[in-house]
């Protein structure tokens, strides 16, 4: 997603605007960021983003490195400092915290995920608005991602009311971010949320209402995704759209969507998304086997094959949620 490029823009701003300088009133004043810090941050972010969807432990390691530096820099400023420099570092610190939260979610460590995300929330919510349109949009963007990941974590903990609250906050902030991919991501996660509620509902009428709400979020996501060049957001939309189609028993349509998702996951070569896609294909072929007795043997074979591949990729990521779900098929 496009917002992931933001840290590199931050580093450029820091390097050009916040380099070593002397304060005439205090010869012992330290520069805001040393060149060593800047280089360390750039390298660690690049490695963390590289590992994010391939090795959560490694991603955590590199994001923690950046968080340690940004925390040190923030500690050297006053609490009420409204400077643009502090906003820049706070945004970068917040981003590291919500990326750490995502890595913990992948590892099913929801306690640490929420702890990291709450720290992110507190860091970003205290930032002043009105300094510039650019900073306001970036604050909204990072808060949107933070709230959305909090919503995801609460769903795994079955705190559905809190999950919905955070996801809606994420949507509200994403609308202020001026970033179509971030807005699409909010709609996609809300669609998943409503699908989760539908799947756990025994009352057919209520289940139908949740599916309708999920379809509404899905349709709003489509409006942005169709004009996006971002392969990851397109992949994520194929996955949620296929899930809705499966719930509506449109299994062949769902299969075609999942094949599109698989194509993009393969091109991205992301272990996590390959695991998710194989998991969905495994479930889909199981449903197709139940529906079509004439081809049940073939579909069961495909379900097992995709399940085994999904489990192998999930194991590489230490994604215990996917591994647990696949063990049920």
Protein backbone atom coordinates (compact mmCIF):
# COMPACT_ATOMS: atom_id res chain seq x y z
CA UNK A 1 0.00 0.00 0.00
CA UNK A 2 1.16 3.50 -0.81
CA UNK A 3 1.30 4.69 2.77
CA UNK A 4 4.19 2.32 3.43
CA UNK A 5 6.43 4.70 1.47
CA UNK A 6 5.88 7.40 4.07
CA UNK A 7 8.84 6.49 6.34
CA UNK A 8 11.27 7.13 3.52
CA UNK A 9 9.72 10.55 2.95
CA UNK A 10 10.09 11.18 6.67
CA UNK A 11 13.76 10.32 6.53
CA UNK A 12 14.32 12.73 3.68
CA UNK A 13 12.58 15.48 5.63
CA UNK A 14 14.61 14.69 8.72
CA UNK A 15 17.88 14.59 6.80
CA UNK A 16 17.28 17.92 5.06
CA UNK A 17 15.41 19.87 7.69
CA UNK A 18 16.68 18.40 10.93
CA UNK A 19 20.37 17.85 10.38
CA UNK A 20 23.09 18.86 12.86
CA UNK A 21 22.79 22.50 13.82
CA UNK A 22 23.97 24.66 16.69
CA UNK A 23 21.91 26.66 19.06
CA UNK A 24 23.60 30.01 19.68
CA UNK A 25 22.24 30.08 23.21
CA UNK A 26 23.50 26.61 24.10
CA UNK A 27 26.70 25.29 22.57
CA UNK A 28 26.04 21.87 24.11
CA UNK A 29 22.71 21.39 22.32
CA UNK A 30 22.48 18.07 20.47
CA UNK A 31 21.26 17.69 16.87
CA UNK A 32 17.72 16.35 16.50
CA UNK A 33 18.95 13.29 14.66
CA UNK A 34 22.48 12.15 13.92
CA UNK A 35 23.43 10.79 10.53
CA UNK A 36 24.04 7.42 12.21
CA UNK A 37 20.46 7.40 13.55
CA UNK A 38 19.11 8.35 10.14
CA UNK A 39 21.00 5.56 8.38
CA UNK A 40 20.04 3.02 11.05
CA UNK A 41 16.36 3.95 10.73
CA UNK A 42 16.40 3.74 6.93
CA UNK A 43 18.06 0.32 6.95
CA UNK A 44 15.83 -1.12 9.67
CA UNK A 45 12.59 0.09 8.05
CA UNK A 46 13.60 -1.37 4.72
CA UNK A 47 14.36 -4.75 6.32
CA UNK A 48 11.22 -4.68 8.50
CA UNK A 49 8.97 -4.00 5.52
CA UNK A 50 10.74 -6.73 3.56
CA UNK A 51 10.10 -9.31 6.27
CA UNK A 52 6.63 -8.12 7.33
CA UNK A 53 4.67 -10.65 5.28
CA UNK A 54 7.40 -13.30 5.25
CA UNK A 55 8.89 -13.55 8.76
CA UNK A 56 7.07 -11.79 11.59
CA UNK A 57 9.87 -12.36 14.12
CA UNK A 58 12.44 -10.68 11.88
CA UNK A 59 10.06 -7.81 11.12
CA UNK A 60 9.57 -7.27 14.86
CA UNK A 61 13.32 -7.21 15.39
CA UNK A 62 13.88 -4.41 12.87
CA UNK A 63 10.82 -2.37 13.82
CA UNK A 64 11.95 -2.48 17.45
CA UNK A 65 15.30 -1.05 16.39
CA UNK A 66 13.56 1.98 14.85
CA UNK A 67 11.19 2.30 17.81
CA UNK A 68 14.14 2.40 20.21
CA UNK A 69 15.72 5.28 18.28
CA UNK A 70 12.49 7.27 17.87
CA UNK A 71 11.61 6.77 21.54
CA UNK A 72 15.01 8.17 22.48
CA UNK A 73 14.49 11.17 20.22
CA UNK A 74 11.03 11.84 21.62
CA UNK A 75 12.36 11.62 25.18
CA UNK A 76 14.74 14.48 24.40
CA UNK A 77 11.84 16.83 23.59
CA UNK A 78 9.42 18.60 25.89
CA UNK A 79 5.93 17.18 26.28
CA UNK A 80 4.23 20.27 24.83
CA UNK A 81 6.67 20.81 21.96
CA UNK A 82 4.49 21.60 18.90
CA UNK A 83 7.37 21.62 16.42
CA UNK A 84 7.15 19.92 13.04
CA UNK A 85 10.25 17.93 13.96
CA UNK A 86 8.48 16.29 16.87
CA UNK A 87 5.41 15.55 14.73
CA UNK A 88 7.59 13.83 12.13
CA UNK A 89 9.34 11.63 14.69
CA UNK A 90 6.06 10.89 16.50
CA UNK A 91 4.48 9.76 13.23
CA UNK A 92 7.41 7.49 12.52
CA UNK A 93 7.32 6.13 16.07
CA UNK A 94 3.58 5.51 15.77
CA UNK A 95 4.05 3.67 12.51
CA UNK A 96 6.66 1.37 14.02
CA UNK A 97 4.31 0.61 16.91
CA UNK A 98 1.36 -0.34 14.70
CA UNK A 99 3.61 -2.42 12.44
CA UNK A 100 4.84 -4.23 15.56
CA UNK A 101 1.19 -4.70 16.50
CA UNK A 102 0.51 -6.33 13.13
CA UNK A 103 3.47 -8.69 13.56
CA UNK A 104 2.19 -9.71 17.00
CA UNK A 105 -1.29 -10.32 15.52
CA UNK A 106 0.22 -12.63 12.90
CA UNK A 107 1.93 -14.54 15.72
CA UNK A 108 -1.38 -14.68 17.67
CA UNK A 109 0.22 -12.71 20.52
CA UNK A 110 -2.78 -10.45 21.04
CA UNK A 111 -1.75 -9.14 24.44
CA UNK A 112 1.48 -7.66 23.08
CA UNK A 113 -0.33 -6.58 19.92
CA UNK A 114 -2.85 -4.50 21.85
CA UNK A 115 -0.15 -3.14 24.16
CA UNK A 116 1.86 -1.93 21.16
CA UNK A 117 -1.23 -0.57 19.40
CA UNK A 118 -2.44 1.25 22.51
CA UNK A 119 0.98 2.91 22.80
CA UNK A 120 0.64 3.85 19.14
CA UNK A 121 -2.82 5.30 19.74
CA UNK A 122 -1.63 7.43 22.65
CA UNK A 123 1.40 8.64 20.69
CA UNK A 124 -0.63 9.73 17.67
CA UNK A 125 -3.74 11.09 19.40
CA UNK A 126 -1.71 13.66 21.33
CA UNK A 127 -0.27 15.21 18.16
CA UNK A 128 -1.57 18.72 17.41
CA UNK A 129 -3.70 19.30 14.32
CA UNK A 130 -3.63 22.38 12.12
CA UNK A 131 0.14 22.66 11.74
CA UNK A 132 -0.22 21.80 8.05
CA UNK A 133 -2.60 19.90 5.77
CA UNK A 134 0.14 17.36 5.10
CA UNK A 135 0.75 16.56 8.76
CA UNK A 136 -3.01 16.37 9.44
CA UNK A 137 -3.42 13.82 6.63
CA UNK A 138 -0.46 11.77 7.86
CA UNK A 139 -1.78 11.75 11.43
CA UNK A 140 -5.17 10.58 10.15
CA UNK A 141 -3.51 7.90 8.01
CA UNK A 142 -1.40 6.40 10.78
CA UNK A 143 -4.30 6.53 13.23
CA UNK A 144 -6.51 4.77 10.68
CA UNK A 145 -4.02 1.91 10.43
CA UNK A 146 -3.64 1.77 14.22
CA UNK A 147 -7.41 1.66 14.88
CA UNK A 148 -7.91 -0.94 12.15
CA UNK A 149 -5.27 -3.28 13.58
CA UNK A 150 -6.83 -2.82 17.03
CA UNK A 151 -10.15 -3.86 15.54
CA UNK A 152 -8.57 -6.96 14.03
CA UNK A 153 -6.91 -7.93 17.33
CA UNK A 154 -10.18 -7.50 19.25
CA UNK A 155 -11.95 -9.78 16.76
CA UNK A 156 -9.50 -12.58 17.50
CA UNK A 157 -10.19 -12.01 21.20
CA UNK A 158 -13.93 -12.13 20.39
CA UNK A 159 -14.44 -8.60 21.73
CA UNK A 160 -16.79 -7.92 18.84
CA UNK A 161 -18.31 -4.68 20.08
CA UNK A 162 -14.89 -3.13 20.72
CA UNK A 163 -13.64 -4.45 17.37
CA UNK A 164 -16.48 -2.74 15.52
CA UNK A 165 -15.87 0.50 17.39
CA UNK A 166 -12.18 0.56 16.44
CA UNK A 167 -12.81 -0.41 12.81
CA UNK A 168 -15.33 2.41 12.42
CA UNK A 169 -12.83 4.85 13.95
CA UNK A 170 -10.31 3.57 11.44
CA UNK A 171 -12.74 4.22 8.60
CA UNK A 172 -13.41 7.74 9.87
CA UNK A 173 -9.69 8.55 9.92
CA UNK A 174 -9.04 6.88 6.56
CA UNK A 175 -11.50 9.27 4.93
CA UNK A 176 -9.32 12.15 6.15
CA UNK A 177 -6.06 10.59 4.93
CA UNK A 178 -6.58 11.37 1.24
CA UNK A 179 -5.21 7.90 0.48
CA UNK A 180 -7.55 5.64 -1.57
CA UNK A 181 -5.72 2.42 -0.64
CA UNK A 182 -5.99 3.15 3.08
CA UNK A 183 -9.69 3.90 2.64
CA UNK A 184 -10.14 0.64 0.71
CA UNK A 185 -8.35 -1.25 3.49
CA UNK A 186 -10.80 0.14 6.04
CA UNK A 187 -13.78 -0.98 3.96
CA UNK A 188 -12.21 -4.42 3.43
CA UNK A 189 -11.61 -4.99 7.15
CA UNK A 190 -15.13 -3.87 7.98
CA UNK A 191 -16.44 -6.33 5.38
CA UNK A 192 -14.46 -9.11 7.09
CA UNK A 193 -15.83 -7.97 10.46
CA UNK A 194 -19.45 -8.21 9.26
CA UNK A 195 -18.71 -11.59 7.67
CA UNK A 196 -17.31 -12.83 11.00
CA UNK A 197 -20.56 -11.78 12.67
CA UNK A 198 -22.57 -13.49 9.94
CA UNK A 199 -20.65 -16.75 10.29
CA UNK A 200 -21.23 -16.85 14.05
CA UNK A 201 -24.96 -16.05 13.77
CA UNK A 202 -27.56 -18.84 13.89
CA UNK A 203 -30.55 -16.65 13.08
CA UNK A 204 -30.93 -16.61 9.27
CA UNK A 205 -32.53 -13.16 9.22
CA UNK A 206 -29.79 -11.55 11.30
CA UNK A 207 -27.10 -13.42 9.34
CA UNK A 208 -28.55 -12.01 6.12
CA UNK A 209 -28.35 -8.48 7.55
CA UNK A 210 -24.65 -8.93 8.38
CA UNK A 211 -23.96 -10.27 4.88
CA UNK A 212 -25.75 -7.24 3.41
CA UNK A 213 -23.56 -4.91 5.45
CA UNK A 214 -20.46 -6.81 4.40
CA UNK A 215 -21.52 -6.54 0.75
CA UNK A 216 -22.02 -2.79 1.20
CA UNK A 217 -18.48 -2.37 2.53
CA UNK A 218 -17.19 -4.60 -0.26
CA UNK A 219 -18.90 -2.48 -2.91
CA UNK A 220 -17.40 0.73 -1.49
CA UNK A 221 -13.96 -0.87 -1.54
CA UNK A 222 -14.40 -1.84 -5.20
CA UNK A 223 -14.88 1.80 -6.18
CA UNK A 224 -11.34 2.59 -4.99
CA UNK A 225 -9.61 -0.72 -5.75
CA UNK A 226 -10.55 -0.65 -9.43
CA UNK A 227 -8.56 2.55 -9.92
CA UNK A 228 -5.61 1.44 -7.76
CA UNK A 229 -2.28 0.18 -9.04
CA UNK A 230 -1.54 -1.41 -5.67
CA UNK A 231 -1.33 -5.18 -6.11
CA UNK A 232 -1.63 -5.85 -2.37
CA UNK A 233 -4.89 -3.95 -1.93
CA UNK A 234 -6.26 -5.72 -5.03
CA UNK A 235 -5.26 -9.07 -3.50
CA UNK A 236 -6.96 -8.21 -0.22
CA UNK A 237 -10.12 -7.26 -2.06
CA UNK A 238 -10.19 -10.52 -4.03
CA UNK A 239 -10.01 -12.36 -0.71
CA UNK A 240 -12.87 -10.53 0.98
CA UNK A 241 -15.02 -10.58 -2.16
CA UNK A 242 -14.52 -14.34 -2.51
CA UNK A 243 -15.54 -14.78 1.11
CA UNK A 244 -18.83 -12.98 0.53
CA UNK A 245 -19.46 -15.04 -2.61
CA UNK A 246 -18.84 -18.24 -0.64
CA UNK A 247 -21.35 -17.16 1.99
CA UNK A 248 -23.88 -16.62 -0.81
CA UNK A 249 -23.12 -20.11 -2.19
CA UNK A 250 -21.69 -18.68 -5.41
CA UNK A 251 -18.80 -21.10 -5.21
CA UNK A 252 -17.56 -21.00 -8.80
CA UNK A 253 -17.48 -17.19 -8.73
CA UNK A 254 -15.62 -17.39 -5.43
CA UNK A 255 -13.11 -19.82 -6.96
CA UNK A 256 -12.35 -17.38 -9.79
CA UNK A 257 -11.78 -14.58 -7.26
CA UNK A 258 -9.45 -16.77 -5.23
CA UNK A 259 -7.45 -17.70 -8.31
CA UNK A 260 -6.95 -13.98 -8.95
CA UNK A 261 -5.85 -13.60 -5.33
CA UNK A 262 -3.43 -16.51 -5.73
CA UNK A 263 -1.94 -14.96 -8.86
CA UNK A 264 -1.23 -11.69 -7.04
CA UNK A 265 0.03 -13.43 -3.88
CA UNK A 266 2.46 -15.41 -6.04
CA UNK A 267 3.69 -12.29 -7.82
CA UNK A 268 4.19 -10.51 -4.49
CA UNK A 269 5.80 -13.66 -3.07
CA UNK A 270 4.41 -12.89 0.37
CA UNK A 271 4.39 -15.93 2.63
CA UNK A 272 1.52 -14.60 4.73
CA UNK A 273 -0.83 -13.87 1.83
CA UNK A 274 -0.01 -17.18 0.15
CA UNK A 275 -0.96 -18.91 3.41
CA UNK A 276 -4.26 -17.00 3.60
CA UNK A 277 -5.09 -17.70 -0.05
CA UNK A 278 -4.34 -21.43 0.21
CA UNK A 279 -6.45 -21.58 3.37
CA UNK A 280 -9.40 -20.02 1.58
CA UNK A 281 -8.97 -22.35 -1.41
CA UNK A 282 -8.87 -25.34 0.92
CA UNK A 283 -12.14 -24.28 2.54
CA UNK A 284 -13.74 -23.50 -0.83
CA UNK A 285 -12.93 -26.91 -2.32
CA UNK A 286 -14.33 -28.57 0.79
CA UNK A 287 -17.62 -26.73 0.25
CA UNK A 288 -17.57 -27.67 -3.44
CA UNK A 289 -17.05 -31.33 -2.51
CA UNK A 290 -20.11 -31.20 -0.27
CA UNK A 291 -22.19 -29.57 -2.98
CA UNK A 292 -21.09 -31.69 -5.96
CA UNK A 293 -21.06 -35.40 -5.10
CA UNK A 294 -20.00 -36.36 -8.63
CA UNK A 295 -16.73 -34.47 -8.22
CA UNK A 296 -16.39 -34.81 -4.46
CA UNK A 297 -13.22 -36.93 -4.64
CA UNK A 298 -11.46 -34.44 -6.89
CA UNK A 299 -12.52 -31.47 -4.77
CA UNK A 300 -11.51 -33.19 -1.55
CA UNK A 301 -8.07 -33.85 -3.03
CA UNK A 302 -7.75 -30.17 -3.98
CA UNK A 303 -8.90 -29.14 -0.51
CA UNK A 304 -6.25 -31.32 1.13
CA UNK A 305 -3.50 -30.15 -1.25
CA UNK A 306 -4.26 -26.48 -0.72
CA UNK A 307 -4.62 -26.99 3.02
CA UNK A 308 -1.19 -28.60 3.23
CA UNK A 309 0.39 -25.78 1.24
CA UNK A 310 -1.36 -23.17 3.39
CA UNK A 311 -0.22 -24.88 6.58
CA UNK A 312 3.39 -24.95 5.35
CA UNK A 313 3.38 -21.23 4.53
CA UNK A 314 1.64 -20.38 7.82
CA UNK A 315 4.28 -22.34 9.72
CA UNK A 316 7.00 -20.24 8.08
CA UNK A 317 5.28 -17.13 9.41
CA UNK A 318 4.46 -18.64 12.81
CA UNK A 319 0.84 -17.74 12.00
CA UNK A 320 -0.88 -19.93 14.55
CA UNK A 321 -4.38 -18.74 13.64
CA UNK A 322 -4.14 -20.02 10.08
CA UNK A 323 -2.44 -23.23 11.22
CA UNK A 324 -5.23 -23.85 13.76
CA UNK A 325 -7.99 -23.26 11.21
CA UNK A 326 -6.37 -25.49 8.59
CA UNK A 327 -6.00 -28.31 11.10
CA UNK A 328 -9.82 -28.43 11.28
CA UNK A 329 -10.37 -29.09 7.58
